[in-house]
Amino acid sequence: MKHAAAIAVFFALPAVASACAVCGGATDEKIVEASNAVLWTLLSLVGFIFSATGGTIWYLWRKS
């Protein structure tokens, strides 16, 4: 019963459940630009780690 009341309040007050600028799609916000920069930085880091691991494996395979 408590959950039903919480769900009713959640749907009755849509302003409380509004998304932030990143999730809402506001492209002119500074937080969106910062989030995109962090995303590309982390993707680049993962790509570098995969490349370095692959290069190390290839080097050790060729050396043996």
C-alpha atoms as a PDB file:
ATOM      1  CA  MET A   1       0.000   0.000   0.000  1.00  0.00           C
ATOM      2  CA  LYS A   2       2.899   2.352   0.712  1.00  0.00           C
ATOM      3  CA  HIS A   3       4.267   1.762  -2.772  1.00  0.00           C
ATOM      4  CA  ALA A   4       0.939   2.626  -4.385  1.00  0.00           C
ATOM      5  CA  ALA A   5       0.854   5.950  -2.546  1.00  0.00           C
ATOM      6  CA  ALA A   6       4.442   6.736  -3.552  1.00  0.00           C
ATOM      7  CA  ILE A   7       3.684   5.932  -7.188  1.00  0.00           C
ATOM      8  CA  ALA A   8       0.565   8.103  -7.087  1.00  0.00           C
ATOM      9  CA  VAL A   9       2.554  11.040  -5.696  1.00  0.00           C
ATOM     10  CA  PHE A  10       5.279  10.436  -8.287  1.00  0.00           C
ATOM     11  CA  PHE A  11       2.815  10.672 -11.184  1.00  0.00           C
ATOM     12  CA  ALA A  12       0.824  13.511  -9.610  1.00  0.00           C
ATOM     13  CA  LEU A  13       3.888  15.772  -9.367  1.00  0.00           C
ATOM     14  CA  PRO A  14       5.681  15.576 -12.729  1.00  0.00           C
ATOM     15  CA  ALA A  15       7.937  18.528 -11.897  1.00  0.00           C
ATOM     16  CA  VAL A  16       9.591  16.458  -9.176  1.00  0.00           C
ATOM     17  CA  ALA A  17      10.421  13.756 -11.722  1.00  0.00           C
ATOM     18  CA  SER A  18      11.886  16.060 -14.375  1.00  0.00           C
ATOM     19  CA  ALA A  19      15.203  15.050 -15.882  1.00  0.00           C
ATOM     20  CA  CYS A  20      18.461  16.950 -15.631  1.00  0.00           C
ATOM     21  CA  ALA A  21      19.892  18.894 -18.561  1.00  0.00           C
ATOM     22  CA  VAL A  22      21.907  15.917 -19.812  1.00  0.00           C
ATOM     23  CA  CYS A  23      19.000  13.451 -19.830  1.00  0.00           C
ATOM     24  CA  GLY A  24      16.462  16.040 -20.930  1.00  0.00           C
ATOM     25  CA  GLY A  25      18.414  16.901 -24.064  1.00  0.00           C
ATOM     26  CA  ALA A  26      19.262  20.563 -23.467  1.00  0.00           C
ATOM     27  CA  THR A  27      22.165  20.943 -25.896  1.00  0.00           C
ATOM     28  CA  ASP A  28      23.155  24.468 -24.849  1.00  0.00           C
ATOM     29  CA  GLU A  29      24.022  23.650 -21.233  1.00  0.00           C
ATOM     30  CA  LYS A  30      27.608  23.571 -19.962  1.00  0.00           C
ATOM     31  CA  ILE A  31      26.996  20.260 -18.181  1.00  0.00           C
ATOM     32  CA  VAL A  32      26.133  18.607 -21.508  1.00  0.00           C
ATOM     33  CA  GLU A  33      29.417  19.739 -23.040  1.00  0.00           C
ATOM     34  CA  ALA A  34      31.331  18.543 -19.976  1.00  0.00           C
ATOM     35  CA  SER A  35      29.556  15.171 -20.005  1.00  0.00           C
ATOM     36  CA  ASN A  36      30.355  14.691 -23.676  1.00  0.00           C
ATOM     37  CA  ALA A  37      34.014  15.550 -23.066  1.00  0.00           C
ATOM     38  CA  VAL A  38      34.209  13.059 -20.196  1.00  0.00           C
ATOM     39  CA  LEU A  39      32.509  10.408 -22.316  1.00  0.00           C
ATOM     40  CA  TRP A  40      35.015  10.757 -25.164  1.00  0.00           C
ATOM     41  CA  THR A  41      37.938  10.864 -22.735  1.00  0.00           C
ATOM     42  CA  LEU A  42      36.869   7.619 -21.071  1.00  0.00           C
ATOM     43  CA  LEU A  43      36.187   5.938 -24.423  1.00  0.00           C
ATOM     44  CA  SER A  44      39.652   6.971 -25.585  1.00  0.00           C
ATOM     45  CA  LEU A  45      41.170   5.580 -22.406  1.00  0.00           C
ATOM     46  CA  VAL A  46      39.412   2.240 -22.903  1.00  0.00           C
ATOM     47  CA  GLY A  47      40.573   2.155 -26.533  1.00  0.00           C
ATOM     48  CA  PHE A  48      44.139   2.864 -25.467  1.00  0.00           C
ATOM     49  CA  ILE A  49      44.051   0.095 -22.869  1.00  0.00           C
ATOM     50  CA  PHE A  50      42.682  -2.408 -25.400  1.00  0.00           C
ATOM     51  CA  SER A  51      45.290  -1.360 -27.961  1.00  0.00           C
ATOM     52  CA  ALA A  52      48.130  -1.579 -25.445  1.00  0.00           C
ATOM     53  CA  THR A  53      46.978  -5.007 -24.290  1.00  0.00           C
ATOM     54  CA  GLY A  54      46.696  -6.230 -27.868  1.00  0.00           C
ATOM     55  CA  GLY A  55      50.100  -4.784 -28.719  1.00  0.00           C
ATOM     56  CA  THR A  56      51.688  -6.460 -25.718  1.00  0.00           C
ATOM     57  CA  ILE A  57      50.134  -9.810 -26.606  1.00  0.00           C
ATOM     58  CA  TRP A  58      51.257  -9.449 -30.229  1.00  0.00           C
ATOM     59  CA  TYR A  59      54.786  -8.500 -29.130  1.00  0.00           C
ATOM     60  CA  LEU A  60      55.069 -11.461 -26.774  1.00  0.00           C
ATOM     61  CA  TRP A  61      53.610 -13.823 -29.403  1.00  0.00           C
ATOM     62  CA  ARG A  62      56.098 -12.673 -32.043  1.00  0.00           C
ATOM     63  CA  LYS A  63      59.017 -12.846 -29.609  1.00  0.00           C
ATOM     64  CA  SER A  64      58.363 -16.421 -28.492  1.00  0.00           C
END
